[in-house]
Amino acid sequence: MKKTIYYLLFPFLSIFASCSTSDDTNLNDDGNGNPANSSYWPYAIGNKWQFKNIDDPEDTFVHHIYKTINYEGNTYFQIEPLNALEETEPTEGTREYNGVFYELHGASSQMGVNISAGTMKSINTNLSVGQEWTDDLTLTISGAASGVIQHTNKGKIVEKVASVIINGKNYQNVLKTELIKTVLNSITGSSFTIKYEDWLAKGIGPVYRKTTYYYDNNEEIEEYQLTSYSLN
């Protein structure tokens, strides 16, 4: 099972997943891994992408868009969480606008500690290969504690390729992206960094995902490949 990581005072940064089995099938394409949707990561309620660990086929998870949330007049799509407390209502989400993806860190309150809301860029599919961008977001901590949580996202387009073969299937028009996220808590002085490397097939979404976690002078890597997907 894919790990779900929770950070103290960073509940919005959980990595959501759930167990799944795969039959290596997909829906809503032309049979050649080249569906009509023009997005590199199509967002709609009910869309699902199933993955397995390249080193452990028993380690699987599903990325399931199950509902939406509104923030400042915009609709953000939410991923179904795993192992979250039943009474916990997710406040995070993602939206795409003209090829740029934005992540919502919704307001939260826990044990008297309040964290403000904000949005920031996570992927820009419009850039040329090698182009980089940086976006910052400061969230305010108030209530029983006072301080800020500083997010920094650094992204780039690594490569654009005509096709890749993943799990024996050919996917066309693939964008390879990189996102390095650093988060600093001013109260504790602690910070962590995560590097996301996604291969996005146009009209399908992620077909390969590599995540590197950096913490306490340690490094942990997870790699997953797409086994099936279903798009609405």
C-alpha atoms as a PDB file:
ATOM      1  CA  MET A   1       0.000   0.000   0.000  1.00  0.00           C
ATOM      2  CA  LYS A   2       1.178   3.464  -0.839  1.00  0.00           C
ATOM      3  CA  LYS A   3       2.171   5.394   2.261  1.00  0.00           C
ATOM      4  CA  THR A   4       0.000   8.218   3.569  1.00  0.00           C
ATOM      5  CA  ILE A   5       2.135  10.890   5.197  1.00  0.00           C
ATOM      6  CA  TYR A   6       0.748  13.366   7.711  1.00  0.00           C
ATOM      7  CA  TYR A   7       2.732  16.341   8.948  1.00  0.00           C
ATOM      8  CA  LEU A   8       2.058  18.109  12.245  1.00  0.00           C
ATOM      9  CA  LEU A   9       0.180  21.329  11.436  1.00  0.00           C
ATOM     10  CA  PHE A  10       0.312  20.369   7.737  1.00  0.00           C
ATOM     11  CA  PRO A  11      -2.905  18.318   7.370  1.00  0.00           C
ATOM     12  CA  PHE A  12      -3.474  19.795   3.922  1.00  0.00           C
ATOM     13  CA  LEU A  13      -0.308  18.146   2.584  1.00  0.00           C
ATOM     14  CA  SER A  14      -1.383  14.543   3.080  1.00  0.00           C
ATOM     15  CA  ILE A  15      -0.673  12.169   0.238  1.00  0.00           C
ATOM     16  CA  PHE A  16      -4.048  10.618  -0.485  1.00  0.00           C
ATOM     17  CA  ALA A  17      -4.408   7.095  -1.782  1.00  0.00           C
ATOM     18  CA  SER A  18      -6.369   3.857  -1.488  1.00  0.00           C
ATOM     19  CA  CYS A  19      -5.816   0.215  -2.295  1.00  0.00           C
ATOM     20  CA  SER A  20      -6.960  -1.080  -5.659  1.00  0.00           C
ATOM     21  CA  THR A  21      -6.602  -3.932  -8.056  1.00  0.00           C
ATOM     22  CA  SER A  22      -5.967  -3.430 -11.737  1.00  0.00           C
ATOM     23  CA  ASP A  23      -7.058  -5.182 -14.907  1.00  0.00           C
ATOM     24  CA  ASP A  24      -4.871  -3.023 -17.161  1.00  0.00           C
ATOM     25  CA  THR A  25      -7.894  -1.583 -18.946  1.00  0.00           C
ATOM     26  CA  ASN A  26      -8.926   1.952 -19.714  1.00  0.00           C
ATOM     27  CA  LEU A  27     -12.042   3.801 -20.828  1.00  0.00           C
ATOM     28  CA  ASN A  28     -12.871   6.702 -23.104  1.00  0.00           C
ATOM     29  CA  ASP A  29      -9.968   6.534 -25.531  1.00  0.00           C
ATOM     30  CA  ASP A  30      -9.524   5.407 -29.115  1.00  0.00           C
ATOM     31  CA  GLY A  31      -7.710   2.209 -28.174  1.00  0.00           C
ATOM     32  CA  ASN A  32      -4.312   3.766 -28.818  1.00  0.00           C
ATOM     33  CA  GLY A  33      -3.856   5.732 -25.619  1.00  0.00           C
ATOM     34  CA  ASN A  34      -4.907   8.924 -27.390  1.00  0.00           C
ATOM     35  CA  PRO A  35      -8.343  10.172 -26.183  1.00  0.00           C
ATOM     36  CA  ALA A  36      -9.964  13.399 -27.303  1.00  0.00           C
ATOM     37  CA  ASN A  37      -9.629  15.379 -24.045  1.00  0.00           C
ATOM     38  CA  SER A  38      -7.021  18.107 -24.531  1.00  0.00           C
ATOM     39  CA  SER A  39      -5.897  18.407 -20.884  1.00  0.00           C
ATOM     40  CA  TYR A  40      -2.723  16.789 -19.640  1.00  0.00           C
ATOM     41  CA  TRP A  41      -4.588  15.874 -16.443  1.00  0.00           C
ATOM     42  CA  PRO A  42      -8.380  15.769 -17.001  1.00  0.00           C
ATOM     43  CA  TYR A  43     -10.340  16.760 -13.919  1.00  0.00           C
ATOM     44  CA  ALA A  44     -13.943  15.604 -13.488  1.00  0.00           C
ATOM     45  CA  ILE A  45     -15.808  13.934 -10.641  1.00  0.00           C
ATOM     46  CA  GLY A  46     -15.451  10.180 -10.942  1.00  0.00           C
ATOM     47  CA  ASN A  47     -12.151  10.180 -12.825  1.00  0.00           C
ATOM     48  CA  LYS A  48      -9.795   7.476 -11.545  1.00  0.00           C
ATOM     49  CA  TRP A  49      -6.187   6.519 -12.184  1.00  0.00           C
ATOM     50  CA  GLN A  50      -4.890   3.236 -10.759  1.00  0.00           C
ATOM     51  CA  PHE A  51      -1.173   2.755 -10.095  1.00  0.00           C
ATOM     52  CA  LYS A  52       1.183   0.041  -8.939  1.00  0.00           C
ATOM     53  CA  ASN A  53       4.649   0.276  -7.443  1.00  0.00           C
ATOM     54  CA  ILE A  54       7.274  -0.625 -10.037  1.00  0.00           C
ATOM     55  CA  ASP A  55       9.209  -2.574  -7.383  1.00  0.00           C
ATOM     56  CA  ASP A  56       6.228  -4.178  -5.626  1.00  0.00           C
ATOM     57  CA  PRO A  57       3.149  -5.069  -7.742  1.00  0.00           C
ATOM     58  CA  GLU A  58       1.165  -5.674  -4.551  1.00  0.00           C
ATOM     59  CA  ASP A  59       1.613  -2.007  -3.621  1.00  0.00           C
ATOM     60  CA  THR A  60      -1.202  -0.230  -5.470  1.00  0.00           C
ATOM     61  CA  PHE A  61      -3.301   2.895  -5.084  1.00  0.00           C
ATOM     62  CA  VAL A  62      -6.055   4.775  -6.859  1.00  0.00           C
ATOM     63  CA  HIS A  63      -6.176   8.534  -7.477  1.00  0.00           C
ATOM     64  CA  HIS A  64      -9.944   9.193  -7.399  1.00  0.00           C
ATOM     65  CA  ILE A  65     -11.581  12.589  -7.919  1.00  0.00           C
ATOM     66  CA  TYR A  66     -14.701  12.298  -5.810  1.00  0.00           C
ATOM     67  CA  LYS A  67     -16.071  15.801  -5.208  1.00  0.00           C
ATOM     68  CA  THR A  68     -15.461  19.549  -5.518  1.00  0.00           C
ATOM     69  CA  ILE A  69     -14.998  22.522  -3.229  1.00  0.00           C
ATOM     70  CA  ASN A  70     -15.505  26.230  -3.951  1.00  0.00           C
ATOM     71  CA  TYR A  71     -12.980  28.901  -3.039  1.00  0.00           C
ATOM     72  CA  GLU A  72     -13.273  32.556  -4.053  1.00  0.00           C
ATOM     73  CA  GLY A  73     -15.708  31.696  -6.825  1.00  0.00           C
ATOM     74  CA  ASN A  74     -13.577  28.933  -8.371  1.00  0.00           C
ATOM     75  CA  THR A  75     -14.238  25.195  -8.329  1.00  0.00           C
ATOM     76  CA  TYR A  76     -11.457  22.907  -7.092  1.00  0.00           C
ATOM     77  CA  PHE A  77     -11.526  19.133  -7.460  1.00  0.00           C
ATOM     78  CA  GLN A  78     -10.793  16.936  -4.447  1.00  0.00           C
ATOM     79  CA  ILE A  79      -9.072  13.570  -4.186  1.00  0.00           C
ATOM     80  CA  GLU A  80     -10.684  10.856  -2.079  1.00  0.00           C
ATOM     81  CA  PRO A  81      -8.559  10.498   1.083  1.00  0.00           C
ATOM     82  CA  LEU A  82      -7.367   7.292   2.701  1.00  0.00           C
ATOM     83  CA  ASN A  83      -6.995   6.666   6.438  1.00  0.00           C
ATOM     84  CA  ALA A  84      -8.290  10.126   7.279  1.00  0.00           C
ATOM     85  CA  LEU A  85     -10.433  10.485  10.395  1.00  0.00           C
ATOM     86  CA  GLU A  86     -14.115  10.131   9.568  1.00  0.00           C
ATOM     87  CA  GLU A  87     -14.916  13.519  11.067  1.00  0.00           C
ATOM     88  CA  THR A  88     -12.150  15.193   9.045  1.00  0.00           C
ATOM     89  CA  GLU A  89     -13.439  17.134   6.037  1.00  0.00           C
ATOM     90  CA  PRO A  90     -10.746  17.707   3.389  1.00  0.00           C
ATOM     91  CA  THR A  91     -10.206  21.354   2.460  1.00  0.00           C
ATOM     92  CA  GLU A  92      -7.641  20.841  -0.304  1.00  0.00           C
ATOM     93  CA  GLY A  93      -8.296  20.827  -4.031  1.00  0.00           C
ATOM     94  CA  THR A  94      -6.885  21.365  -7.521  1.00  0.00           C
ATOM     95  CA  ARG A  95      -8.119  23.228 -10.575  1.00  0.00           C
ATOM     96  CA  GLU A  96      -6.840  23.825 -14.090  1.00  0.00           C
ATOM     97  CA  TYR A  97      -7.148  27.108 -15.938  1.00  0.00           C
ATOM     98  CA  ASN A  98      -5.772  27.502 -19.469  1.00  0.00           C
ATOM     99  CA  GLY A  99      -3.180  24.761 -18.998  1.00  0.00           C
ATOM    100  CA  VAL A 100      -2.029  25.935 -15.554  1.00  0.00           C
ATOM    101  CA  PHE A 101      -2.862  23.875 -12.464  1.00  0.00           C
ATOM    102  CA  TYR A 102      -3.473  25.498  -9.082  1.00  0.00           C
ATOM    103  CA  GLU A 103      -3.531  23.823  -5.666  1.00  0.00           C
ATOM    104  CA  LEU A 104      -5.859  25.014  -2.921  1.00  0.00           C
ATOM    105  CA  HIS A 105      -4.749  24.836   0.695  1.00  0.00           C
ATOM    106  CA  GLY A 106      -8.064  25.358   2.439  1.00  0.00           C
ATOM    107  CA  ALA A 107      -8.491  26.919   5.859  1.00  0.00           C
ATOM    108  CA  SER A 108      -8.325  24.477   8.756  1.00  0.00           C
ATOM    109  CA  SER A 109      -8.748  24.482  12.521  1.00  0.00           C
ATOM    110  CA  GLN A 110      -7.486  21.813  14.876  1.00  0.00           C
ATOM    111  CA  MET A 111      -6.954  21.829  18.650  1.00  0.00           C
ATOM    112  CA  GLY A 112      -7.353  25.601  18.741  1.00  0.00           C
ATOM    113  CA  VAL A 113      -4.825  26.228  15.989  1.00  0.00           C
ATOM    114  CA  ASN A 114      -6.189  27.956  12.877  1.00  0.00           C
ATOM    115  CA  ILE A 115      -4.501  27.997   9.480  1.00  0.00           C
ATOM    116  CA  SER A 116      -5.597  30.401   6.748  1.00  0.00           C
ATOM    117  CA  ALA A 117      -6.382  29.442   3.159  1.00  0.00           C
ATOM    118  CA  GLY A 118      -4.555  30.178  -0.075  1.00  0.00           C
ATOM    119  CA  THR A 119      -3.750  28.952  -3.572  1.00  0.00           C
ATOM    120  CA  MET A 120      -0.607  28.532  -5.596  1.00  0.00           C
ATOM    121  CA  LYS A 121       0.601  27.201  -8.927  1.00  0.00           C
ATOM    122  CA  SER A 122       1.575  23.529  -9.159  1.00  0.00           C
ATOM    123  CA  ILE A 123       1.979  22.754 -12.902  1.00  0.00           C
ATOM    124  CA  ASN A 124       2.278  24.957 -15.994  1.00  0.00           C
ATOM    125  CA  THR A 125       1.858  22.902 -19.164  1.00  0.00           C
ATOM    126  CA  ASN A 126       2.253  25.938 -21.439  1.00  0.00           C
ATOM    127  CA  LEU A 127       5.991  26.351 -20.966  1.00  0.00           C
ATOM    128  CA  SER A 128       8.754  25.173 -23.238  1.00  0.00           C
ATOM    129  CA  VAL A 129      11.163  22.408 -22.270  1.00  0.00           C
ATOM    130  CA  GLY A 130      13.648  23.672 -19.692  1.00  0.00           C
ATOM    131  CA  GLN A 131      11.563  26.673 -18.638  1.00  0.00           C
ATOM    132  CA  GLU A 132      11.194  27.067 -14.882  1.00  0.00           C
ATOM    133  CA  TRP A 133       8.827  28.961 -12.595  1.00  0.00           C
ATOM    134  CA  THR A 134       8.531  29.676  -8.856  1.00  0.00           C
ATOM    135  CA  ASP A 135       5.470  30.444  -6.765  1.00  0.00           C
ATOM    136  CA  ASP A 136       5.229  31.258  -3.049  1.00  0.00           C
ATOM    137  CA  LEU A 137       2.349  31.060  -0.596  1.00  0.00           C
ATOM    138  CA  THR A 138       2.265  32.183   3.038  1.00  0.00           C
ATOM    139  CA  LEU A 139      -0.439  30.776   5.314  1.00  0.00           C
ATOM    140  CA  THR A 140      -1.103  32.406   8.678  1.00  0.00           C
ATOM    141  CA  ILE A 141      -1.278  30.409  11.909  1.00  0.00           C
ATOM    142  CA  SER A 142      -3.459  31.933  14.620  1.00  0.00           C
ATOM    143  CA  GLY A 143      -5.350  30.999  17.774  1.00  0.00           C
ATOM    144  CA  ALA A 144      -3.458  28.817  20.253  1.00  0.00           C
ATOM    145  CA  ALA A 145      -0.285  29.414  18.213  1.00  0.00           C
ATOM    146  CA  SER A 146       0.986  32.274  16.099  1.00  0.00           C
ATOM    147  CA  GLY A 147       3.197  32.118  13.053  1.00  0.00           C
ATOM    148  CA  VAL A 148       3.232  31.276   9.341  1.00  0.00           C
ATOM    149  CA  ILE A 149       3.612  28.298   7.047  1.00  0.00           C
ATOM    150  CA  GLN A 150       5.648  29.214   3.979  1.00  0.00           C
ATOM    151  CA  HIS A 151       5.196  27.172   0.800  1.00  0.00           C
ATOM    152  CA  THR A 152       7.538  27.433  -2.165  1.00  0.00           C
ATOM    153  CA  ASN A 153       6.838  25.575  -5.406  1.00  0.00           C
ATOM    154  CA  LYS A 154       9.520  25.365  -8.081  1.00  0.00           C
ATOM    155  CA  GLY A 155       8.470  23.688 -11.299  1.00  0.00           C
ATOM    156  CA  LYS A 156       9.697  23.045 -14.817  1.00  0.00           C
ATOM    157  CA  ILE A 157       8.993  21.155 -17.991  1.00  0.00           C
ATOM    158  CA  VAL A 158      11.644  18.439 -18.213  1.00  0.00           C
ATOM    159  CA  GLU A 159      10.795  16.935 -21.593  1.00  0.00           C
ATOM    160  CA  LYS A 160       8.077  16.584 -24.219  1.00  0.00           C
ATOM    161  CA  VAL A 161       8.000  13.243 -26.007  1.00  0.00           C
ATOM    162  CA  ALA A 162       5.826  11.785 -28.757  1.00  0.00           C
ATOM    163  CA  SER A 163       5.148   8.586 -26.835  1.00  0.00           C
ATOM    164  CA  VAL A 164       6.212   6.377 -23.931  1.00  0.00           C
ATOM    165  CA  ILE A 165       5.514   2.750 -23.113  1.00  0.00           C
ATOM    166  CA  ILE A 166       4.257   2.175 -19.573  1.00  0.00           C
ATOM    167  CA  ASN A 167       3.191  -1.228 -18.324  1.00  0.00           C
ATOM    168  CA  GLY A 168       3.175  -2.511 -21.913  1.00  0.00           C
ATOM    169  CA  LYS A 169       0.920   0.249 -23.247  1.00  0.00           C
ATOM    170  CA  ASN A 170       1.905   3.076 -25.591  1.00  0.00           C
ATOM    171  CA  TYR A 171       0.848   6.553 -24.431  1.00  0.00           C
ATOM    172  CA  GLN A 172       1.133   9.470 -26.834  1.00  0.00           C
ATOM    173  CA  ASN A 173       1.926  13.176 -26.439  1.00  0.00           C
ATOM    174  CA  VAL A 174       3.606  12.968 -23.039  1.00  0.00           C
ATOM    175  CA  LEU A 175       4.764  15.894 -20.926  1.00  0.00           C
ATOM    176  CA  LYS A 176       7.387  15.191 -18.263  1.00  0.00           C
ATOM    177  CA  THR A 177       7.156  17.665 -15.392  1.00  0.00           C
ATOM    178  CA  GLU A 178       8.997  18.327 -12.147  1.00  0.00           C
ATOM    179  CA  LEU A 179       7.740  20.096  -9.031  1.00  0.00           C
ATOM    180  CA  ILE A 180       9.876  20.721  -5.938  1.00  0.00           C
ATOM    181  CA  LYS A 181       7.801  21.763  -2.931  1.00  0.00           C
ATOM    182  CA  THR A 182       9.406  23.159   0.217  1.00  0.00           C
ATOM    183  CA  VAL A 183       7.364  23.923   3.337  1.00  0.00           C
ATOM    184  CA  LEU A 184       8.616  25.828   6.390  1.00  0.00           C
ATOM    185  CA  ASN A 185       6.811  26.129   9.733  1.00  0.00           C
ATOM    186  CA  SER A 186       7.940  29.324  11.485  1.00  0.00           C
ATOM    187  CA  ILE A 187       6.758  28.100  14.896  1.00  0.00           C
ATOM    188  CA  THR A 188       8.853  24.955  15.034  1.00  0.00           C
ATOM    189  CA  GLY A 189      11.504  26.042  12.547  1.00  0.00           C
ATOM    190  CA  SER A 190      11.066  22.692  10.824  1.00  0.00           C
ATOM    191  CA  SER A 191      10.886  22.231   7.070  1.00  0.00           C
ATOM    192  CA  PHE A 192      10.614  19.470   4.504  1.00  0.00           C
ATOM    193  CA  THR A 193      10.980  19.111   0.752  1.00  0.00           C
ATOM    194  CA  ILE A 194       9.179  16.819  -1.689  1.00  0.00           C
ATOM    195  CA  LYS A 195      10.034  16.401  -5.366  1.00  0.00           C
ATOM    196  CA  TYR A 196       7.272  15.228  -7.698  1.00  0.00           C
ATOM    197  CA  GLU A 197       8.134  13.908 -11.146  1.00  0.00           C
ATOM    198  CA  ASP A 198       5.043  13.225 -13.257  1.00  0.00           C
ATOM    199  CA  TRP A 199       4.719  11.997 -16.824  1.00  0.00           C
ATOM    200  CA  LEU A 200       1.408  13.308 -18.143  1.00  0.00           C
ATOM    201  CA  ALA A 201      -0.177  11.876 -21.280  1.00  0.00           C
ATOM    202  CA  LYS A 202      -2.433  14.377 -23.019  1.00  0.00           C
ATOM    203  CA  GLY A 203      -6.080  13.488 -22.579  1.00  0.00           C
ATOM    204  CA  ILE A 204      -5.280  10.810 -20.006  1.00  0.00           C
ATOM    205  CA  GLY A 205      -3.284  12.238 -17.098  1.00  0.00           C
ATOM    206  CA  PRO A 206      -0.396  10.757 -15.097  1.00  0.00           C
ATOM    207  CA  VAL A 207       1.087   7.524 -16.445  1.00  0.00           C
ATOM    208  CA  TYR A 208       4.219   7.519 -14.275  1.00  0.00           C
ATOM    209  CA  ARG A 209       4.825   9.149 -10.901  1.00  0.00           C
ATOM    210  CA  LYS A 210       8.061   9.396  -8.930  1.00  0.00           C
ATOM    211  CA  THR A 211       8.022  11.059  -5.529  1.00  0.00           C
ATOM    212  CA  THR A 212      11.153  11.807  -3.503  1.00  0.00           C
ATOM    213  CA  TYR A 213      10.770  12.764   0.162  1.00  0.00           C
ATOM    214  CA  TYR A 214      13.581  14.651   1.901  1.00  0.00           C
ATOM    215  CA  TYR A 215      13.431  14.765   5.699  1.00  0.00           C
ATOM    216  CA  ASP A 216      15.868  14.570   8.630  1.00  0.00           C
ATOM    217  CA  ASN A 217      18.803  14.183   6.247  1.00  0.00           C
ATOM    218  CA  ASN A 218      17.069  11.142   4.752  1.00  0.00           C
ATOM    219  CA  GLU A 219      15.692  10.469   1.308  1.00  0.00           C
ATOM    220  CA  GLU A 220      12.843   8.142   0.385  1.00  0.00           C
ATOM    221  CA  ILE A 221      11.714   7.413  -3.191  1.00  0.00           C
ATOM    222  CA  GLU A 222       8.452   5.942  -4.447  1.00  0.00           C
ATOM    223  CA  GLU A 223       7.802   5.101  -8.109  1.00  0.00           C
ATOM    224  CA  TYR A 224       4.448   4.102  -9.562  1.00  0.00           C
ATOM    225  CA  GLN A 225       3.156   3.391 -13.063  1.00  0.00           C
ATOM    226  CA  LEU A 226      -0.367   3.562 -14.427  1.00  0.00           C
ATOM    227  CA  THR A 227      -2.225   0.264 -14.802  1.00  0.00           C
ATOM    228  CA  SER A 228      -5.712   1.502 -15.690  1.00  0.00           C
ATOM    229  CA  TYR A 229      -7.852   4.607 -15.743  1.00  0.00           C
ATOM    230  CA  SER A 230     -11.469   5.682 -16.137  1.00  0.00           C
ATOM    231  CA  LEU A 231     -12.470   9.172 -17.304  1.00  0.00           C
ATOM    232  CA  ASN A 232     -15.894  10.813 -17.332  1.00  0.00           C
END
